Protein backbone atom coordinates (compact mmCIF):
# COMPACT_ATOMS: atom_id res chain seq x y z
CA UNK A 1 -14.25 33.62 87.09
CA UNK A 2 -13.11 30.33 85.40
CA UNK A 3 -16.24 28.92 86.46
CA UNK A 4 -18.35 31.99 84.63
CA UNK A 5 -15.89 31.21 81.64
CA UNK A 6 -16.59 27.25 81.91
CA UNK A 7 -20.12 28.52 82.01
CA UNK A 8 -20.08 31.20 79.48
CA UNK A 9 -17.99 28.88 77.03
CA UNK A 10 -20.32 26.16 77.16
CA UNK A 11 -23.09 28.38 76.92
CA UNK A 12 -21.49 29.85 73.93
CA UNK A 13 -20.88 26.23 72.82
CA UNK A 14 -24.66 25.38 72.86
CA UNK A 15 -25.37 28.45 70.95
CA UNK A 16 -23.04 27.66 68.44
CA UNK A 17 -23.86 24.31 68.04
CA UNK A 18 -27.98 25.44 68.01
CA UNK A 19 -27.09 27.76 65.01
CA UNK A 20 -24.64 25.24 63.19
CA UNK A 21 -27.88 22.53 63.35
CA UNK A 22 -30.23 25.48 62.59
CA UNK A 23 -27.72 26.85 59.67
CA UNK A 24 -27.54 22.97 58.20
CA UNK A 25 -31.07 22.84 58.49
CA UNK A 26 -31.95 25.96 56.39
CA UNK A 27 -29.47 25.15 54.04
CA UNK A 28 -30.26 21.24 53.97
CA UNK A 29 -33.97 22.71 53.02
CA UNK A 30 -33.33 25.92 50.73
CA UNK A 31 -29.91 25.08 49.10
CA UNK A 32 -28.94 21.90 48.94
CA UNK A 33 -31.74 20.18 47.21
CA UNK A 34 -31.13 23.47 44.19
CA UNK A 35 -27.25 22.32 44.92
CA UNK A 36 -27.73 18.77 44.25
CA UNK A 37 -30.35 19.17 41.60
CA UNK A 38 -27.60 21.81 39.44
CA UNK A 39 -25.18 19.07 39.66
CA UNK A 40 -27.28 16.26 38.93
CA UNK A 41 -28.10 18.03 35.84
CA UNK A 42 -25.13 19.47 35.03
CA UNK A 43 -23.84 15.66 35.50
CA UNK A 44 -26.75 14.25 33.37
CA UNK A 45 -25.86 17.12 30.75
CA UNK A 46 -22.36 15.88 30.86
CA UNK A 47 -23.46 12.36 30.17
CA UNK A 48 -26.03 13.17 27.50
CA UNK A 49 -23.10 15.04 25.69
CA UNK A 50 -20.45 12.18 25.85
CA UNK A 51 -23.16 10.07 24.58
CA UNK A 52 -24.05 12.64 21.27
CA UNK A 53 -19.87 12.48 20.86
CA UNK A 54 -19.90 8.82 21.35
CA UNK A 55 -22.70 8.79 18.50
CA UNK A 56 -20.89 11.50 16.26
CA UNK A 57 -18.01 9.22 16.50
CA UNK A 58 -19.98 6.17 15.45
CA UNK A 59 -21.49 8.28 12.53
CA UNK A 60 -18.13 9.65 11.63
CA UNK A 61 -16.51 5.76 11.32
CA UNK A 62 -19.97 5.09 9.19
CA UNK A 63 -19.00 7.65 7.10
CA UNK A 64 -15.32 6.68 6.49
CA UNK A 65 -16.36 3.32 5.60
CA UNK A 66 -19.20 4.67 3.45
CA UNK A 67 -16.94 6.79 1.68
CA UNK A 68 -14.34 4.26 1.02
CA UNK A 69 -16.88 2.06 -0.30
CA UNK A 70 -18.20 4.80 -2.76
CA UNK A 71 -14.09 5.56 -3.57
CA UNK A 72 -13.66 1.78 -4.46
CA UNK A 73 -16.77 1.82 -6.58
CA UNK A 74 -15.46 4.57 -8.31
CA UNK A 75 -12.32 3.30 -9.10
CA UNK A 76 -13.62 -0.19 -10.12
CA UNK A 77 -16.13 1.86 -12.10
CA UNK A 78 -13.03 4.40 -14.02
CA UNK A 79 -10.97 0.94 -14.43
CA UNK A 80 -14.41 -0.40 -16.56
CA UNK A 81 -14.55 3.00 -18.46
CA UNK A 82 -10.86 2.85 -19.13
CA UNK A 83 -10.99 -0.48 -20.35
CA UNK A 84 -14.28 0.41 -22.52
CA UNK A 85 -12.13 3.22 -24.01
CA UNK A 86 -9.27 0.56 -24.70
CA UNK A 87 -11.58 -1.79 -26.19
CA UNK A 88 -13.27 1.36 -28.24
CA UNK A 89 -10.32 2.25 -29.40
CA UNK A 90 -8.60 -0.94 -30.12
CA UNK A 91 -11.82 -1.73 -32.25
CA UNK A 92 -11.56 1.53 -34.12
CA UNK A 93 -8.02 1.22 -35.35
CA UNK A 94 -8.71 -2.51 -36.26
CA UNK A 95 -11.81 -1.24 -38.48
CA UNK A 96 -9.26 1.56 -40.33
CA UNK A 97 -6.97 -1.01 -40.87
CA UNK A 98 -9.39 -3.10 -42.35
CA UNK A 99 -10.70 -0.21 -44.33
CA UNK A 100 -7.74 0.80 -44.98
CA UNK A 101 -6.55 -2.56 -46.57
CA UNK A 102 -9.53 -2.91 -48.18
CA UNK A 103 -9.03 0.09 -49.89
CA UNK A 104 -5.34 -0.83 -50.96
CA UNK A 105 -6.80 -3.91 -52.27
CA UNK A 106 -9.21 -1.83 -54.21
CA UNK A 107 -6.57 0.82 -55.88
CA UNK A 108 -4.57 -2.18 -56.55
CA UNK A 109 -6.83 -4.27 -58.24
CA UNK A 110 -7.74 -0.99 -60.10
CA UNK A 111 -4.07 -0.73 -61.04
CA UNK A 112 -4.14 -4.48 -62.23
CA UNK A 113 -6.76 -3.58 -64.15
CA UNK A 114 -5.76 -0.25 -66.11
CA UNK A 115 -1.99 -1.84 -66.44
CA UNK A 116 -4.06 -4.98 -68.25
CA UNK A 117 -6.09 -2.03 -70.34
CA UNK A 118 -2.84 -0.55 -71.06
CA UNK A 119 -1.09 -3.39 -71.80
CA UNK A 120 -3.86 -4.90 -73.94
CA UNK A 121 -4.04 -0.88 -75.80
CA UNK A 122 -0.07 -1.34 -76.04
CA UNK A 123 -0.84 -5.24 -77.97
CA UNK A 124 -3.38 -4.12 -80.11
CA UNK A 125 -1.44 -1.00 -81.53
CA UNK A 126 1.55 -3.29 -81.82
CA UNK A 127 -0.13 -6.17 -83.90
CA UNK A 128 -1.54 -3.03 -85.87
CA UNK A 129 1.82 -1.75 -86.39
CA UNK A 130 3.02 -5.09 -87.17
CA UNK A 131 0.18 -5.43 -89.77
CA UNK A 132 0.84 -2.21 -91.56
CA UNK A 133 4.65 -2.95 -91.43
CA UNK A 134 3.87 -6.25 -92.58
CA UNK A 135 1.48 -4.67 -95.69
CA UNK A 136 4.50 -2.22 -96.33
CA UNK A 137 6.95 -4.84 -96.81
CA UNK A 138 4.40 -7.05 -99.06
CA UNK A 139 4.01 -3.96 -101.18
CA UNK A 140 7.23 -2.99 -100.99
CA UNK A 141 8.08 -6.39 -102.03
CA UNK A 142 5.68 -7.00 -104.70
CA UNK A 143 6.66 -3.78 -106.44
CA UNK A 144 10.01 -4.65 -106.59
CA UNK A 145 11.39 -7.24 -108.61
CA UNK A 146 9.56 -10.16 -107.90
CA UNK A 147 11.47 -12.26 -109.57
CA UNK A 148 14.96 -11.79 -108.05
CA UNK A 149 15.19 -13.43 -104.26
CA UNK A 150 18.08 -11.93 -103.33
CA UNK A 151 16.44 -8.54 -104.32
CA UNK A 152 13.73 -9.76 -102.21
CA UNK A 153 15.71 -10.98 -99.22
CA UNK A 154 17.92 -7.41 -99.29
CA UNK A 155 14.59 -5.04 -99.33
CA UNK A 156 13.56 -6.97 -95.98
CA UNK A 157 16.64 -6.90 -94.19
CA UNK A 158 16.87 -3.33 -95.08
CA UNK A 159 13.43 -2.30 -94.03
CA UNK A 160 13.74 -4.36 -90.34
CA UNK A 161 17.23 -2.49 -89.99
CA UNK A 162 14.69 1.21 -90.45
CA UNK A 163 12.22 -0.18 -88.01
CA UNK A 164 14.38 -1.35 -85.69
CA UNK A 165 12.64 -5.14 -84.75
CA UNK A 166 16.21 -6.51 -85.14
């Protein structure tokens, strides 16, 4: 019986080996190629995805560098605009000061001219009054006794006291 079991086991072993080899042949012919192709395609798609991610990463670095450059240019432009605005403000303030100074000088000159005109008018009025007063004094002296010097001096003194020219 042992012989039978050994023979039976050897026969079973051979059958299993044949089935195994047939299975490997069938798997190799029908299953392994599609499985290997799918694995290869998967590997290629993963590699493509990694390449795309690297490209995207490089593009992001480029965009960041570009953004930093644009921000730097914007800051420089802002600084230039602020500088121009300050210069314009200073120029406008200086022009306003100059205009105010010129206007002030004109007003001072007009006031001087007005004062001079008033002074001239007052002087002319004083001269007229002095002339009239002189004529009044002469007339009064002539009316009074022209032959008495003391009377003439008293009369002149009296008129001067009345007009407050003392």
